[in-house]
Amino acid sequence: MRATTLIATLALTGGILGAGAALVPAFAQSPGMNTASQTDGLTMQQVQTRLEAAGYRDFEKIERERNKFEVKATDQQGQRVELDIDPMTGEILKTEVKRSK
């Protein structure tokens, strides 16, 4: 009786461990998806860095929408602007002057 219980316990434990080992790769990150920036486009920091290089400053808001970044900043002429930025390329899609500073 003890041998039967021992064999059943070992078989059950082996099955649980085997199932766990089979599921682990399903939760692992696939090699083609290393970072969010590679699959989802630019990060907020990358957008800000590109805009700073273009002369924008005093960032009030950088927000990710579904298909664009919305940015409130001051442009090179000192005007407050709201920008729509392409999340994949960083291209400025729209510039709206809000007020002079």
N, C-alpha and C. Protein backbone atom coordinates (compact mmCIF):
# COMPACT_ATOMS: atom_id res chain seq x y z
N MET A 1 0.82 -1.19 0.00
CA MET A 1 0.00 0.00 0.00
C MET A 1 0.87 1.26 0.00
N ARG A 2 1.94 1.22 0.81
CA ARG A 2 2.82 2.38 0.86
C ARG A 2 3.51 2.60 -0.48
N ALA A 3 3.87 1.55 -1.16
CA ALA A 3 4.54 1.67 -2.45
C ALA A 3 3.60 2.29 -3.48
N THR A 4 2.35 1.91 -3.46
CA THR A 4 1.37 2.45 -4.39
C THR A 4 1.16 3.94 -4.13
N THR A 5 1.06 4.33 -2.88
CA THR A 5 0.89 5.75 -2.52
C THR A 5 2.12 6.54 -2.93
N LEU A 6 3.31 6.01 -2.69
CA LEU A 6 4.55 6.67 -3.06
C LEU A 6 4.64 6.86 -4.56
N ILE A 7 4.32 5.84 -5.32
CA ILE A 7 4.37 5.92 -6.79
C ILE A 7 3.35 6.94 -7.30
N ALA A 8 2.16 6.95 -6.74
CA ALA A 8 1.12 7.91 -7.15
C ALA A 8 1.56 9.34 -6.83
N THR A 9 2.16 9.54 -5.65
CA THR A 9 2.63 10.88 -5.26
C THR A 9 3.75 11.35 -6.18
N LEU A 10 4.68 10.46 -6.49
CA LEU A 10 5.77 10.82 -7.39
C LEU A 10 5.26 11.13 -8.80
N ALA A 11 4.31 10.37 -9.26
CA ALA A 11 3.74 10.60 -10.59
C ALA A 11 3.02 11.95 -10.64
N LEU A 12 2.26 12.25 -9.61
CA LEU A 12 1.53 13.51 -9.54
C LEU A 12 2.50 14.69 -9.48
N THR A 13 3.53 14.58 -8.65
CA THR A 13 4.53 15.63 -8.53
C THR A 13 5.26 15.83 -9.86
N GLY A 14 5.61 14.74 -10.51
CA GLY A 14 6.28 14.84 -11.81
C GLY A 14 5.39 15.52 -12.85
N GLY A 15 4.11 15.19 -12.81
CA GLY A 15 3.17 15.82 -13.75
C GLY A 15 3.03 17.31 -13.51
N ILE A 16 2.97 17.71 -12.25
CA ILE A 16 2.86 19.14 -11.92
C ILE A 16 4.12 19.89 -12.34
N LEU A 17 5.27 19.32 -12.04
CA LEU A 17 6.53 19.95 -12.44
C LEU A 17 6.67 20.03 -13.96
N GLY A 18 6.26 18.96 -14.63
CA GLY A 18 6.34 18.95 -16.09
C GLY A 18 5.44 20.00 -16.71
N ALA A 19 4.24 20.14 -16.17
CA ALA A 19 3.30 21.15 -16.69
C ALA A 19 3.84 22.55 -16.45
N GLY A 20 4.44 22.76 -15.27
CA GLY A 20 5.02 24.08 -14.97
C GLY A 20 6.16 24.40 -15.90
N ALA A 21 7.00 23.42 -16.18
CA ALA A 21 8.12 23.64 -17.08
C ALA A 21 7.65 23.93 -18.50
N ALA A 22 6.52 23.35 -18.87
CA ALA A 22 5.99 23.59 -20.21
C ALA A 22 5.39 24.99 -20.33
N LEU A 23 4.87 25.54 -19.22
CA LEU A 23 4.25 26.86 -19.25
C LEU A 23 5.25 28.00 -19.15
N VAL A 24 6.40 27.79 -18.56
CA VAL A 24 7.37 28.86 -18.37
C VAL A 24 7.74 29.55 -19.68
N PRO A 25 8.05 28.83 -20.77
CA PRO A 25 8.38 29.52 -22.01
C PRO A 25 7.23 30.37 -22.55
N ALA A 26 6.01 30.04 -22.23
CA ALA A 26 4.88 30.83 -22.71
C ALA A 26 4.87 32.22 -22.07
N PHE A 27 5.42 32.34 -20.86
CA PHE A 27 5.46 33.62 -20.18
C PHE A 27 6.76 34.38 -20.43
N ALA A 28 7.71 33.75 -21.04
CA ALA A 28 8.99 34.40 -21.31
C ALA A 28 8.83 35.40 -22.44
N GLN A 29 9.68 36.42 -22.44
CA GLN A 29 9.65 37.43 -23.48
C GLN A 29 10.28 36.85 -24.75
N SER A 30 9.60 37.04 -25.87
CA SER A 30 10.15 36.52 -27.11
C SER A 30 11.33 37.37 -27.56
N PRO A 31 12.30 36.80 -28.27
CA PRO A 31 13.51 37.53 -28.64
C PRO A 31 13.24 38.71 -29.56
N GLY A 32 12.18 38.69 -30.32
CA GLY A 32 11.88 39.78 -31.25
C GLY A 32 11.29 40.99 -30.58
N MET A 33 10.96 40.90 -29.28
CA MET A 33 10.33 42.02 -28.59
C MET A 33 11.17 42.41 -27.38
N ASN A 34 12.33 43.01 -27.62
CA ASN A 34 13.23 43.34 -26.52
C ASN A 34 12.76 44.51 -25.68
N THR A 35 12.28 45.60 -26.31
CA THR A 35 11.82 46.75 -25.56
C THR A 35 10.56 47.31 -26.17
N ALA A 36 9.83 48.06 -25.37
CA ALA A 36 8.60 48.67 -25.86
C ALA A 36 8.89 49.69 -26.95
N SER A 37 10.03 50.37 -26.87
CA SER A 37 10.33 51.39 -27.86
C SER A 37 10.54 50.79 -29.25
N GLN A 38 10.97 49.55 -29.34
CA GLN A 38 11.16 48.93 -30.64
C GLN A 38 9.83 48.55 -31.28
N THR A 39 8.83 48.22 -30.49
CA THR A 39 7.56 47.78 -31.05
C THR A 39 6.51 48.86 -31.05
N ASP A 40 6.60 49.81 -30.11
CA ASP A 40 5.57 50.83 -29.99
C ASP A 40 6.04 52.20 -30.43
N GLY A 41 7.21 52.33 -30.97
CA GLY A 41 7.69 53.62 -31.40
C GLY A 41 8.55 54.29 -30.35
N LEU A 42 8.57 55.62 -30.37
CA LEU A 42 9.43 56.41 -29.50
C LEU A 42 8.88 56.49 -28.08
N THR A 43 9.78 56.66 -27.13
CA THR A 43 9.36 56.89 -25.75
C THR A 43 9.15 58.39 -25.55
N MET A 44 8.54 58.76 -24.44
CA MET A 44 8.33 60.18 -24.14
C MET A 44 9.67 60.90 -24.02
N GLN A 45 10.65 60.24 -23.42
CA GLN A 45 11.98 60.85 -23.27
C GLN A 45 12.62 61.09 -24.63
N GLN A 46 12.47 60.16 -25.57
CA GLN A 46 13.03 60.34 -26.91
C GLN A 46 12.35 61.50 -27.63
N VAL A 47 11.03 61.63 -27.47
CA VAL A 47 10.30 62.74 -28.09
C VAL A 47 10.81 64.06 -27.53
N GLN A 48 10.94 64.15 -26.21
CA GLN A 48 11.42 65.38 -25.58
C GLN A 48 12.83 65.72 -26.05
N THR A 49 13.71 64.73 -26.12
CA THR A 49 15.08 64.95 -26.56
C THR A 49 15.11 65.50 -27.99
N ARG A 50 14.29 64.95 -28.87
CA ARG A 50 14.26 65.42 -30.26
C ARG A 50 13.72 66.85 -30.35
N LEU A 51 12.70 67.14 -29.54
CA LEU A 51 12.15 68.50 -29.56
C LEU A 51 13.12 69.51 -28.97
N GLU A 52 13.84 69.13 -27.92
CA GLU A 52 14.87 70.01 -27.36
C GLU A 52 15.94 70.32 -28.40
N ALA A 53 16.34 69.31 -29.18
CA ALA A 53 17.34 69.50 -30.23
C ALA A 53 16.81 70.45 -31.31
N ALA A 54 15.48 70.49 -31.48
CA ALA A 54 14.87 71.38 -32.47
C ALA A 54 14.60 72.77 -31.90
N GLY A 55 14.93 73.00 -30.61
CA GLY A 55 14.79 74.32 -30.03
C GLY A 55 13.60 74.53 -29.12
N TYR A 56 12.81 73.51 -28.87
CA TYR A 56 11.67 73.63 -27.96
C TYR A 56 12.16 73.50 -26.52
N ARG A 57 11.43 74.16 -25.59
CA ARG A 57 11.82 74.13 -24.18
C ARG A 57 10.59 74.29 -23.30
N ASP A 58 10.79 74.30 -22.00
CA ASP A 58 9.71 74.51 -21.01
C ASP A 58 8.52 73.58 -21.28
N PHE A 59 8.77 72.30 -21.26
CA PHE A 59 7.73 71.31 -21.54
C PHE A 59 6.74 71.25 -20.38
N GLU A 60 5.49 71.50 -20.68
CA GLU A 60 4.43 71.46 -19.68
C GLU A 60 3.77 70.09 -19.66
N LYS A 61 3.65 69.48 -20.83
CA LYS A 61 2.95 68.19 -20.92
C LYS A 61 3.49 67.40 -22.11
N ILE A 62 3.73 66.12 -21.87
CA ILE A 62 4.00 65.17 -22.96
C ILE A 62 3.12 63.98 -22.64
N GLU A 63 2.16 63.73 -23.51
CA GLU A 63 1.17 62.68 -23.25
C GLU A 63 1.01 61.80 -24.48
N ARG A 64 0.96 60.50 -24.27
CA ARG A 64 0.80 59.56 -25.38
C ARG A 64 -0.68 59.29 -25.59
N GLU A 65 -1.16 59.60 -26.78
CA GLU A 65 -2.51 59.25 -27.19
C GLU A 65 -2.39 57.98 -28.03
N ARG A 66 -3.49 57.54 -28.61
CA ARG A 66 -3.44 56.30 -29.39
C ARG A 66 -2.48 56.36 -30.57
N ASN A 67 -2.57 57.42 -31.36
CA ASN A 67 -1.76 57.47 -32.58
C ASN A 67 -0.87 58.69 -32.65
N LYS A 68 -0.60 59.32 -31.49
CA LYS A 68 0.25 60.51 -31.48
C LYS A 68 0.67 60.84 -30.05
N PHE A 69 1.69 61.69 -29.95
CA PHE A 69 2.04 62.32 -28.69
C PHE A 69 1.48 63.73 -28.74
N GLU A 70 0.92 64.21 -27.63
CA GLU A 70 0.52 65.60 -27.51
C GLU A 70 1.53 66.26 -26.59
N VAL A 71 2.09 67.38 -27.05
CA VAL A 71 3.14 68.06 -26.29
C VAL A 71 2.78 69.53 -26.17
N LYS A 72 2.90 70.08 -24.96
CA LYS A 72 2.78 71.52 -24.74
C LYS A 72 4.16 72.00 -24.33
N ALA A 73 4.65 73.00 -25.07
CA ALA A 73 6.01 73.49 -24.84
C ALA A 73 6.11 74.93 -25.34
N THR A 74 7.31 75.49 -25.22
CA THR A 74 7.60 76.81 -25.75
C THR A 74 8.50 76.63 -26.97
N ASP A 75 8.15 77.31 -28.07
CA ASP A 75 8.95 77.16 -29.29
C ASP A 75 10.14 78.11 -29.30
N GLN A 76 10.87 78.13 -30.40
CA GLN A 76 12.09 78.92 -30.52
C GLN A 76 11.83 80.42 -30.41
N GLN A 77 10.62 80.88 -30.76
CA GLN A 77 10.26 82.30 -30.71
C GLN A 77 9.64 82.69 -29.37
N GLY A 78 9.55 81.77 -28.43
CA GLY A 78 9.00 82.07 -27.12
C GLY A 78 7.49 81.93 -27.04
N GLN A 79 6.87 81.36 -28.05
CA GLN A 79 5.42 81.17 -28.05
C GLN A 79 5.06 79.82 -27.45
N ARG A 80 3.98 79.78 -26.67
CA ARG A 80 3.47 78.50 -26.15
C ARG A 80 2.77 77.80 -27.31
N VAL A 81 3.13 76.54 -27.52
CA VAL A 81 2.55 75.77 -28.61
C VAL A 81 2.09 74.41 -28.12
N GLU A 82 1.14 73.85 -28.85
CA GLU A 82 0.71 72.47 -28.64
C GLU A 82 1.06 71.72 -29.91
N LEU A 83 1.81 70.65 -29.76
CA LEU A 83 2.30 69.88 -30.90
C LEU A 83 1.69 68.49 -30.89
N ASP A 84 1.40 67.97 -32.08
CA ASP A 84 1.07 66.56 -32.26
C ASP A 84 2.27 65.92 -32.93
N ILE A 85 2.79 64.85 -32.32
CA ILE A 85 4.01 64.20 -32.78
C ILE A 85 3.71 62.76 -33.18
N ASP A 86 4.22 62.35 -34.35
CA ASP A 86 4.09 60.96 -34.80
C ASP A 86 4.88 60.06 -33.85
N PRO A 87 4.25 59.04 -33.25
CA PRO A 87 4.95 58.21 -32.26
C PRO A 87 6.01 57.28 -32.84
N MET A 88 5.96 57.03 -34.13
CA MET A 88 6.95 56.14 -34.74
C MET A 88 8.17 56.90 -35.26
N THR A 89 7.94 58.08 -35.88
CA THR A 89 9.03 58.80 -36.53
C THR A 89 9.50 60.02 -35.76
N GLY A 90 8.66 60.57 -34.88
CA GLY A 90 9.00 61.80 -34.18
C GLY A 90 8.69 63.05 -34.99
N GLU A 91 8.08 62.88 -36.15
CA GLU A 91 7.73 64.00 -37.01
C GLU A 91 6.63 64.84 -36.36
N ILE A 92 6.76 66.17 -36.48
CA ILE A 92 5.72 67.07 -35.98
C ILE A 92 4.57 67.08 -36.98
N LEU A 93 3.41 66.60 -36.55
CA LEU A 93 2.25 66.49 -37.43
C LEU A 93 1.43 67.77 -37.46
N LYS A 94 1.36 68.47 -36.30
CA LYS A 94 0.56 69.68 -36.19
C LYS A 94 1.16 70.58 -35.13
N THR A 95 1.16 71.89 -35.40
CA THR A 95 1.59 72.87 -34.43
C THR A 95 0.49 73.90 -34.26
N GLU A 96 0.06 74.11 -33.01
CA GLU A 96 -0.97 75.09 -32.72
C GLU A 96 -0.41 76.07 -31.70
N VAL A 97 -0.36 77.37 -32.08
CA VAL A 97 0.16 78.41 -31.19
C VAL A 97 -0.94 78.72 -30.18
N LYS A 98 -0.59 78.64 -28.89
CA LYS A 98 -1.57 78.89 -27.83
C LYS A 98 -1.57 80.35 -27.40
N ARG A 99 -0.39 80.87 -27.05
CA ARG A 99 -0.28 82.25 -26.61
C ARG A 99 1.19 82.64 -26.61
N SER A 100 1.47 83.92 -26.64
CA SER A 100 2.85 84.38 -26.55
C SER A 100 3.26 84.38 -25.09
N LYS A 101 4.52 84.17 -24.85
CA LYS A 101 5.02 84.14 -23.48
C LYS A 101 5.62 85.47 -23.11
